[in-house]
Amino acid sequence: IVLSSSHSYHRNDVQLRSTPFRYLLTPSMQK
């Protein structure tokens, strides 16, 4: 599990209207 962050000023309109947290899963993790 990698804990990271991303520039808030790169958010699009959908991201601005929702939670500031996001996740990504590799295919082997999704299972």
PDB file of all heavy atoms in Angstrom:
ATOM      1  N   ILE A   1       0.865  -1.186   0.000  1.00  0.00           N
ATOM      2  CA  ILE A   1       0.000   0.000   0.000  1.00  0.00           C
ATOM      3  C   ILE A   1       0.898   1.231   0.000  1.00  0.00           C
ATOM      4  O   ILE A   1       1.702   1.425   0.915  1.00  0.00           O
ATOM      5  CB  ILE A   1      -0.948   0.018   1.203  1.00  0.00           C
ATOM      6  CG1 ILE A   1      -1.851  -1.214   1.168  1.00  0.00           C
ATOM      7  CG2 ILE A   1      -1.795   1.299   1.206  1.00  0.00           C
ATOM      8  CD1 ILE A   1      -2.770  -1.353   2.366  1.00  0.00           C
ATOM      9  N   VAL A   2       0.762   2.037  -1.052  1.00  0.00           N
ATOM     10  CA  VAL A   2       1.570   3.252  -1.205  1.00  0.00           C
ATOM     11  C   VAL A   2       0.721   4.455  -0.813  1.00  0.00           C
ATOM     12  O   VAL A   2      -0.395   4.637  -1.323  1.00  0.00           O
ATOM     13  CB  VAL A   2       2.056   3.408  -2.664  1.00  0.00           C
ATOM     14  CG1 VAL A   2       2.887   4.681  -2.807  1.00  0.00           C
ATOM     15  CG2 VAL A   2       2.860   2.194  -3.094  1.00  0.00           C
ATOM     16  N   LEU A   3       1.228   5.263   0.102  1.00  0.00           N
ATOM     17  CA  LEU A   3       0.542   6.483   0.530  1.00  0.00           C
ATOM     18  C   LEU A   3       1.175   7.661  -0.195  1.00  0.00           C
ATOM     19  O   LEU A   3       2.391   7.846  -0.145  1.00  0.00           O
ATOM     20  CB  LEU A   3       0.648   6.658   2.046  1.00  0.00           C
ATOM     21  CG  LEU A   3       0.092   5.497   2.884  1.00  0.00           C
ATOM     22  CD1 LEU A   3       0.208   5.806   4.369  1.00  0.00           C
ATOM     23  CD2 LEU A   3      -1.339   5.182   2.519  1.00  0.00           C
ATOM     24  N   SER A   4       0.352   8.437  -0.882  1.00  0.00           N
ATOM     25  CA  SER A   4       0.888   9.499  -1.725  1.00  0.00           C
ATOM     26  C   SER A   4      -0.026  10.718  -1.687  1.00  0.00           C
ATOM     27  O   SER A   4      -0.973  10.794  -0.892  1.00  0.00           O
ATOM     28  CB  SER A   4       1.049   8.979  -3.163  1.00  0.00           C
ATOM     29  OG  SER A   4       1.676   9.940  -3.977  1.00  0.00           O
ATOM     30  N   SER A   5       0.275  11.682  -2.550  1.00  0.00           N
ATOM     31  CA  SER A   5      -0.529  12.905  -2.650  1.00  0.00           C
ATOM     32  C   SER A   5      -0.394  13.427  -4.072  1.00  0.00           C
ATOM     33  O   SER A   5       0.457  12.981  -4.837  1.00  0.00           O
ATOM     34  CB  SER A   5      -0.051  13.954  -1.636  1.00  0.00           C
ATOM     35  OG  SER A   5       1.349  14.166  -1.745  1.00  0.00           O
ATOM     36  N   SER A   6      -1.248  14.376  -4.414  1.00  0.00           N
ATOM     37  CA  SER A   6      -1.218  14.950  -5.757  1.00  0.00           C
ATOM     38  C   SER A   6      -1.599  16.416  -5.669  1.00  0.00           C
ATOM     39  O   SER A   6      -2.327  16.829  -4.757  1.00  0.00           O
ATOM     40  CB  SER A   6      -2.189  14.196  -6.670  1.00  0.00           C
ATOM     41  OG  SER A   6      -2.114  14.672  -7.999  1.00  0.00           O
ATOM     42  N   HIS A   7      -1.106  17.211  -6.606  1.00  0.00           N
ATOM     43  CA  HIS A   7      -1.368  18.647  -6.605  1.00  0.00           C
ATOM     44  C   HIS A   7      -2.867  18.923  -6.698  1.00  0.00           C
ATOM     45  O   HIS A   7      -3.538  18.466  -7.620  1.00  0.00           O
ATOM     46  CB  HIS A   7      -0.663  19.331  -7.773  1.00  0.00           C
ATOM     47  CG  HIS A   7       0.824  19.418  -7.615  1.00  0.00           C
ATOM     48  ND1 HIS A   7       1.421  20.128  -6.590  1.00  0.00           N
ATOM     49  CD2 HIS A   7       1.837  18.901  -8.362  1.00  0.00           C
ATOM     50  CE1 HIS A   7       2.742  20.043  -6.708  1.00  0.00           C
ATOM     51  NE2 HIS A   7       3.019  19.309  -7.768  1.00  0.00           N
ATOM     52  N   SER A   8      -3.380  19.699  -5.748  1.00  0.00           N
ATOM     53  CA  SER A   8      -4.819  20.000  -5.740  1.00  0.00           C
ATOM     54  C   SER A   8      -5.222  20.870  -6.925  1.00  0.00           C
ATOM     55  O   SER A   8      -6.366  20.815  -7.372  1.00  0.00           O
ATOM     56  CB  SER A   8      -5.210  20.684  -4.432  1.00  0.00           C
ATOM     57  OG  SER A   8      -4.490  21.891  -4.259  1.00  0.00           O
ATOM     58  N   TYR A   9      -4.283  21.666  -7.459  1.00  0.00           N
ATOM     59  CA  TYR A   9      -4.650  22.559  -8.552  1.00  0.00           C
ATOM     60  C   TYR A   9      -4.791  21.829  -9.894  1.00  0.00           C
ATOM     61  O   TYR A   9      -5.190  22.432 -10.884  1.00  0.00           O
ATOM     62  CB  TYR A   9      -3.658  23.722  -8.673  1.00  0.00           C
ATOM     63  CG  TYR A   9      -2.220  23.355  -8.955  1.00  0.00           C
ATOM     64  CD1 TYR A   9      -1.800  23.027 -10.250  1.00  0.00           C
ATOM     65  CD2 TYR A   9      -1.271  23.374  -7.944  1.00  0.00           C
ATOM     66  CE1 TYR A   9      -0.486  22.708 -10.507  1.00  0.00           C
ATOM     67  CE2 TYR A   9       0.053  23.057  -8.196  1.00  0.00           C
ATOM     68  CZ  TYR A   9       0.447  22.726  -9.479  1.00  0.00           C
ATOM     69  OH  TYR A   9       1.759  22.404  -9.730  1.00  0.00           O
ATOM     70  N   HIS A  10      -4.466  20.524  -9.921  1.00  0.00           N
ATOM     71  CA  HIS A  10      -4.649  19.742 -11.137  1.00  0.00           C
ATOM     72  C   HIS A  10      -6.031  19.074 -11.186  1.00  0.00           C
ATOM     73  O   HIS A  10      -6.320  18.367 -12.151  1.00  0.00           O
ATOM     74  CB  HIS A  10      -3.573  18.657 -11.237  1.00  0.00           C
ATOM     75  CG  HIS A  10      -2.302  19.139 -11.856  1.00  0.00           C
ATOM     76  ND1 HIS A  10      -2.077  19.144 -13.213  1.00  0.00           N
ATOM     77  CD2 HIS A  10      -1.170  19.643 -11.295  1.00  0.00           C
ATOM     78  CE1 HIS A  10      -0.875  19.612 -13.472  1.00  0.00           C
ATOM     79  NE2 HIS A  10      -0.292  19.931 -12.320  1.00  0.00           N
ATOM     80  N   ARG A  11      -6.857  19.282 -10.180  1.00  0.00           N
ATOM     81  CA  ARG A  11      -8.162  18.627 -10.164  1.00  0.00           C
ATOM     82  C   ARG A  11      -9.071  19.173 -11.262  1.00  0.00           C
ATOM     83  O   ARG A  11      -9.044  20.366 -11.581  1.00  0.00           O
ATOM     84  CB  ARG A  11      -8.840  18.833  -8.814  1.00  0.00           C
ATOM     85  CG  ARG A  11      -8.226  18.023  -7.679  1.00  0.00           C
ATOM     86  CD  ARG A  11      -8.901  18.314  -6.366  1.00  0.00           C
ATOM     87  NE  ARG A  11      -8.635  19.692  -5.932  1.00  0.00           N
ATOM     88  CZ  ARG A  11      -9.187  20.255  -4.856  1.00  0.00           C
ATOM     89  NH1 ARG A  11     -10.045  19.569  -4.125  1.00  0.00           N
ATOM     90  NH2 ARG A  11      -8.885  21.490  -4.544  1.00  0.00           N
ATOM     91  N   ASN A  12      -9.918  18.287 -11.795  1.00  0.00           N
ATOM     92  CA  ASN A  12     -10.933  18.728 -12.745  1.00  0.00           C
ATOM     93  C   ASN A  12     -12.223  19.064 -11.990  1.00  0.00           C
ATOM     94  O   ASN A  12     -12.273  18.990 -10.752  1.00  0.00           O
ATOM     95  CB  ASN A  12     -11.183  17.668 -13.823  1.00  0.00           C
ATOM     96  CG  ASN A  12     -11.586  16.318 -13.235  1.00  0.00           C
ATOM     97  OD1 ASN A  12     -12.242  16.252 -12.185  1.00  0.00           O
ATOM     98  ND2 ASN A  12     -11.213  15.235 -13.901  1.00  0.00           N
ATOM     99  N   ASP A  13     -13.271  19.434 -12.710  1.00  0.00           N
ATOM    100  CA  ASP A  13     -14.511  19.879 -12.071  1.00  0.00           C
ATOM    101  C   ASP A  13     -15.133  18.788 -11.207  1.00  0.00           C
ATOM    102  O   ASP A  13     -15.631  19.059 -10.109  1.00  0.00           O
ATOM    103  CB  ASP A  13     -15.510  20.331 -13.140  1.00  0.00           C
ATOM    104  CG  ASP A  13     -15.095  21.635 -13.810  1.00  0.00           C
ATOM    105  OD1 ASP A  13     -14.216  22.314 -13.258  1.00  0.00           O
ATOM    106  OD2 ASP A  13     -15.645  21.962 -14.877  1.00  0.00           O
ATOM    107  N   VAL A  14     -15.116  17.554 -11.695  1.00  0.00           N
ATOM    108  CA  VAL A  14     -15.693  16.443 -10.922  1.00  0.00           C
ATOM    109  C   VAL A  14     -14.924  16.248  -9.617  1.00  0.00           C
ATOM    110  O   VAL A  14     -15.516  16.060  -8.546  1.00  0.00           O
ATOM    111  CB  VAL A  14     -15.673  15.140 -11.753  1.00  0.00           C
ATOM    112  CG1 VAL A  14     -16.119  13.955 -10.905  1.00  0.00           C
ATOM    113  CG2 VAL A  14     -16.569  15.280 -12.980  1.00  0.00           C
ATOM    114  N   GLN A  15     -13.600  16.300  -9.689  1.00  0.00           N
ATOM    115  CA  GLN A  15     -12.774  16.098  -8.493  1.00  0.00           C
ATOM    116  C   GLN A  15     -12.927  17.239  -7.502  1.00  0.00           C
ATOM    117  O   GLN A  15     -12.846  17.033  -6.285  1.00  0.00           O
ATOM    118  CB  GLN A  15     -11.318  15.930  -8.913  1.00  0.00           C
ATOM    119  CG  GLN A  15     -11.061  14.634  -9.685  1.00  0.00           C
ATOM    120  CD  GLN A  15      -9.702  14.600 -10.354  1.00  0.00           C
ATOM    121  OE1 GLN A  15      -9.089  15.651 -10.607  1.00  0.00           O
ATOM    122  NE2 GLN A  15      -9.199  13.407 -10.652  1.00  0.00           N
ATOM    123  N   LEU A  16     -13.149  18.446  -8.004  1.00  0.00           N
ATOM    124  CA  LEU A  16     -13.339  19.596  -7.115  1.00  0.00           C
ATOM    125  C   LEU A  16     -14.624  19.475  -6.304  1.00  0.00           C
ATOM    126  O   LEU A  16     -14.721  19.996  -5.187  1.00  0.00           O
ATOM    127  CB  LEU A  16     -13.369  20.890  -7.930  1.00  0.00           C
ATOM    128  CG  LEU A  16     -12.017  21.417  -8.431  1.00  0.00           C
ATOM    129  CD1 LEU A  16     -12.237  22.503  -9.472  1.00  0.00           C
ATOM    130  CD2 LEU A  16     -11.188  21.950  -7.276  1.00  0.00           C
ATOM    131  N   ARG A  17     -15.616  18.789  -6.851  1.00  0.00           N
ATOM    132  CA  ARG A  17     -16.916  18.691  -6.176  1.00  0.00           C
ATOM    133  C   ARG A  17     -17.044  17.447  -5.311  1.00  0.00           C
ATOM    134  O   ARG A  17     -18.109  17.200  -4.752  1.00  0.00           O
ATOM    135  CB  ARG A  17     -18.041  18.696  -7.228  1.00  0.00           C
ATOM    136  CG  ARG A  17     -18.230  20.035  -7.949  1.00  0.00           C
ATOM    137  CD  ARG A  17     -19.547  20.056  -8.711  1.00  0.00           C
ATOM    138  NE  ARG A  17     -19.550  19.083  -9.791  1.00  0.00           N
ATOM    139  CZ  ARG A  17     -19.217  19.356 -11.056  1.00  0.00           C
ATOM    140  NH1 ARG A  17     -18.842  20.596 -11.379  1.00  0.00           N
ATOM    141  NH2 ARG A  17     -19.245  18.426 -11.983  1.00  0.00           N
ATOM    142  N   SER A  18     -15.973  16.660  -5.203  1.00  0.00           N
ATOM    143  CA  SER A  18     -16.061  15.413  -4.445  1.00  0.00           C
ATOM    144  C   SER A  18     -14.954  15.346  -3.397  1.00  0.00           C
ATOM    145  O   SER A  18     -14.211  16.296  -3.185  1.00  0.00           O
ATOM    146  CB  SER A  18     -15.969  14.210  -5.396  1.00  0.00           C
ATOM    147  OG  SER A  18     -14.732  14.218  -6.080  1.00  0.00           O
ATOM    148  N   THR A  19     -14.860  14.200  -2.757  1.00  0.00           N
ATOM    149  CA  THR A  19     -13.850  13.995  -1.716  1.00  0.00           C
ATOM    150  C   THR A  19     -12.443  14.192  -2.280  1.00  0.00           C
ATOM    151  O   THR A  19     -12.186  13.894  -3.448  1.00  0.00           O
ATOM    152  CB  THR A  19     -13.975  12.570  -1.135  1.00  0.00           C
ATOM    153  OG1 THR A  19     -12.882  12.314  -0.238  1.00  0.00           O
ATOM    154  CG2 THR A  19     -13.940  11.519  -2.230  1.00  0.00           C
ATOM    155  N   PRO A  20     -11.491  14.679  -1.469  1.00  0.00           N
ATOM    156  CA  PRO A  20     -10.111  14.867  -1.946  1.00  0.00           C
ATOM    157  C   PRO A  20      -9.297  13.572  -1.974  1.00  0.00           C
ATOM    158  O   PRO A  20      -8.130  13.591  -2.360  1.00  0.00           O
ATOM    159  CB  PRO A  20      -9.527  15.857  -0.943  1.00  0.00           C
ATOM    160  CG  PRO A  20     -10.272  15.583   0.320  1.00  0.00           C
ATOM    161  CD  PRO A  20     -11.676  15.232  -0.111  1.00  0.00           C
ATOM    162  N   PHE A  21      -9.896  12.462  -1.550  1.00  0.00           N
ATOM    163  CA  PHE A  21      -9.164  11.189  -1.502  1.00  0.00           C
ATOM    164  C   PHE A  21      -9.469  10.341  -2.741  1.00  0.00           C
ATOM    165  O   PHE A  21     -10.590  10.335  -3.246  1.00  0.00           O
ATOM    166  CB  PHE A  21      -9.537  10.406  -0.244  1.00  0.00           C
ATOM    167  CG  PHE A  21      -9.153  11.092   1.035  1.00  0.00           C
ATOM    168  CD1 PHE A  21     -10.093  11.801   1.776  1.00  0.00           C
ATOM    169  CD2 PHE A  21      -7.844  11.044   1.507  1.00  0.00           C
ATOM    170  CE1 PHE A  21      -9.743  12.441   2.942  1.00  0.00           C
ATOM    171  CE2 PHE A  21      -7.491  11.683   2.680  1.00  0.00           C
ATOM    172  CZ  PHE A  21      -8.439  12.387   3.400  1.00  0.00           C
ATOM    173  N   ARG A  22      -8.459   9.608  -3.200  1.00  0.00           N
ATOM    174  CA  ARG A  22      -8.602   8.703  -4.329  1.00  0.00           C
ATOM    175  C   ARG A  22      -7.785   7.434  -4.079  1.00  0.00           C
ATOM    176  O   ARG A  22      -6.879   7.415  -3.254  1.00  0.00           O
ATOM    177  CB  ARG A  22      -8.122   9.358  -5.628  1.00  0.00           C
ATOM    178  CG  ARG A  22      -9.002  10.483  -6.150  1.00  0.00           C
ATOM    179  CD  ARG A  22     -10.359   9.984  -6.595  1.00  0.00           C
ATOM    180  NE  ARG A  22     -11.161  11.010  -7.218  1.00  0.00           N
ATOM    181  CZ  ARG A  22     -11.921  11.884  -6.562  1.00  0.00           C
ATOM    182  NH1 ARG A  22     -11.928  11.871  -5.238  1.00  0.00           N
ATOM    183  NH2 ARG A  22     -12.654  12.770  -7.215  1.00  0.00           N
ATOM    184  N   TYR A  23      -8.118   6.375  -4.829  1.00  0.00           N
ATOM    185  CA  TYR A  23      -7.368   5.133  -4.716  1.00  0.00           C
ATOM    186  C   TYR A  23      -7.138   4.525  -6.094  1.00  0.00           C
ATOM    187  O   TYR A  23      -7.851   4.831  -7.062  1.00  0.00           O
ATOM    188  CB  TYR A  23      -8.105   4.126  -3.823  1.00  0.00           C
ATOM    189  CG  TYR A  23      -9.288   3.466  -4.492  1.00  0.00           C
ATOM    190  CD1 TYR A  23      -9.149   2.249  -5.169  1.00  0.00           C
ATOM    191  CD2 TYR A  23     -10.558   4.047  -4.459  1.00  0.00           C
ATOM    192  CE1 TYR A  23     -10.229   1.653  -5.798  1.00  0.00           C
ATOM    193  CE2 TYR A  23     -11.635   3.451  -5.084  1.00  0.00           C
ATOM    194  CZ  TYR A  23     -11.467   2.248  -5.753  1.00  0.00           C
ATOM    195  OH  TYR A  23     -12.532   1.653  -6.383  1.00  0.00           O
ATOM    196  N   LEU A  24      -6.135   3.663  -6.179  1.00  0.00           N
ATOM    197  CA  LEU A  24      -5.848   2.865  -7.375  1.00  0.00           C
ATOM    198  C   LEU A  24      -5.541   1.443  -6.923  1.00  0.00           C
ATOM    199  O   LEU A  24      -4.866   1.247  -5.902  1.00  0.00           O
ATOM    200  CB  LEU A  24      -4.640   3.418  -8.130  1.00  0.00           C
ATOM    201  CG  LEU A  24      -4.822   4.659  -8.995  1.00  0.00           C
ATOM    202  CD1 LEU A  24      -3.459   5.157  -9.463  1.00  0.00           C
ATOM    203  CD2 LEU A  24      -5.707   4.358 -10.190  1.00  0.00           C
ATOM    204  N   LEU A  25      -6.016   0.459  -7.660  1.00  0.00           N
ATOM    205  CA  LEU A  25      -5.733  -0.946  -7.370  1.00  0.00           C
ATOM    206  C   LEU A  25      -5.158  -1.612  -8.610  1.00  0.00           C
ATOM    207  O   LEU A  25      -5.675  -1.414  -9.714  1.00  0.00           O
ATOM    208  CB  LEU A  25      -7.006  -1.693  -6.947  1.00  0.00           C
ATOM    209  CG  LEU A  25      -7.769  -1.200  -5.717  1.00  0.00           C
ATOM    210  CD1 LEU A  25      -9.032  -2.028  -5.517  1.00  0.00           C
ATOM    211  CD2 LEU A  25      -6.896  -1.261  -4.473  1.00  0.00           C
ATOM    212  N   THR A  26      -4.108  -2.405  -8.419  1.00  0.00           N
ATOM    213  CA  THR A  26      -3.611  -3.209  -9.533  1.00  0.00           C
ATOM    214  C   THR A  26      -4.595  -4.355  -9.768  1.00  0.00           C
ATOM    215  O   THR A  26      -5.356  -4.728  -8.862  1.00  0.00           O
ATOM    216  CB  THR A  26      -2.211  -3.769  -9.223  1.00  0.00           C
ATOM    217  OG1 THR A  26      -2.289  -4.595  -8.053  1.00  0.00           O
ATOM    218  CG2 THR A  26      -1.213  -2.649  -8.997  1.00  0.00           C
ATOM    219  N   PRO A  27      -4.597  -4.936 -10.980  1.00  0.00           N
ATOM    220  CA  PRO A  27      -5.534  -6.037 -11.264  1.00  0.00           C
ATOM    221  C   PRO A  27      -5.451  -7.185 -10.265  1.00  0.00           C
ATOM    222  O   PRO A  27      -6.480  -7.752  -9.870  1.00  0.00           O
ATOM    223  CB  PRO A  27      -5.117  -6.487 -12.668  1.00  0.00           C
ATOM    224  CG  PRO A  27      -4.546  -5.253 -13.296  1.00  0.00           C
ATOM    225  CD  PRO A  27      -3.844  -4.528 -12.177  1.00  0.00           C
ATOM    226  N   SER A  28      -4.243  -7.543  -9.827  1.00  0.00           N
ATOM    227  CA  SER A  28      -4.102  -8.649  -8.876  1.00  0.00           C
ATOM    228  C   SER A  28      -4.617  -8.282  -7.494  1.00  0.00           C
ATOM    229  O   SER A  28      -4.978  -9.168  -6.701  1.00  0.00           O
ATOM    230  CB  SER A  28      -2.639  -9.093  -8.786  1.00  0.00           C
ATOM    231  OG  SER A  28      -1.801  -8.004  -8.498  1.00  0.00           O
ATOM    232  N   MET A  29      -4.674  -6.996  -7.186  1.00  0.00           N
ATOM    233  CA  MET A  29      -5.228  -6.547  -5.901  1.00  0.00           C
ATOM    234  C   MET A  29      -6.752  -6.491  -5.959  1.00  0.00           C
ATOM    235  O   MET A  29      -7.431  -6.800  -4.967  1.00  0.00           O
ATOM    236  CB  MET A  29      -4.664  -5.168  -5.546  1.00  0.00           C
ATOM    237  CG  MET A  29      -5.171  -4.591  -4.227  1.00  0.00           C
ATOM    238  SD  MET A  29      -4.545  -5.473  -2.791  1.00  0.00           S
ATOM    239  CE  MET A  29      -3.553  -4.203  -2.048  1.00  0.00           C
ATOM    240  N   GLN A  30      -7.293  -6.143  -7.105  1.00  0.00           N
ATOM    241  CA  GLN A  30      -8.744  -6.014  -7.244  1.00  0.00           C
ATOM    242  C   GLN A  30      -9.458  -7.320  -6.911  1.00  0.00           C
ATOM    243  O   GLN A  30     -10.545  -7.308  -6.327  1.00  0.00           O
ATOM    244  CB  GLN A  30      -9.092  -5.581  -8.669  1.00  0.00           C
ATOM    245  CG  GLN A  30      -8.744  -4.136  -8.979  1.00  0.00           C
ATOM    246  CD  GLN A  30      -9.043  -3.752 -10.415  1.00  0.00           C
ATOM    247  OE1 GLN A  30      -9.430  -4.596 -11.211  1.00  0.00           O
ATOM    248  NE2 GLN A  30      -8.855  -2.487 -10.730  1.00  0.00           N
ATOM    249  N   LYS A  31      -8.859  -8.440  -7.265  1.00  0.00           N
ATOM    250  CA  LYS A  31      -9.503  -9.734  -7.043  1.00  0.00           C
ATOM    251  C   LYS A  31      -9.846  -9.964  -5.579  1.00  0.00           C
ATOM    252  O   LYS A  31     -10.884 -10.546  -5.256  1.00  0.00           O
ATOM    253  CB  LYS A  31      -8.586 -10.862  -7.532  1.00  0.00           C
ATOM    254  CG  LYS A  31      -8.246 -10.793  -9.014  1.00  0.00           C
ATOM    255  CD  LYS A  31      -7.195 -11.839  -9.365  1.00  0.00           C
ATOM    256  CE  LYS A  31      -6.723 -11.688 -10.809  1.00  0.00           C
ATOM    257  NZ  LYS A  31      -5.631 -12.647 -11.137  1.00  0.00           N
TER     258      LYS A  31
END
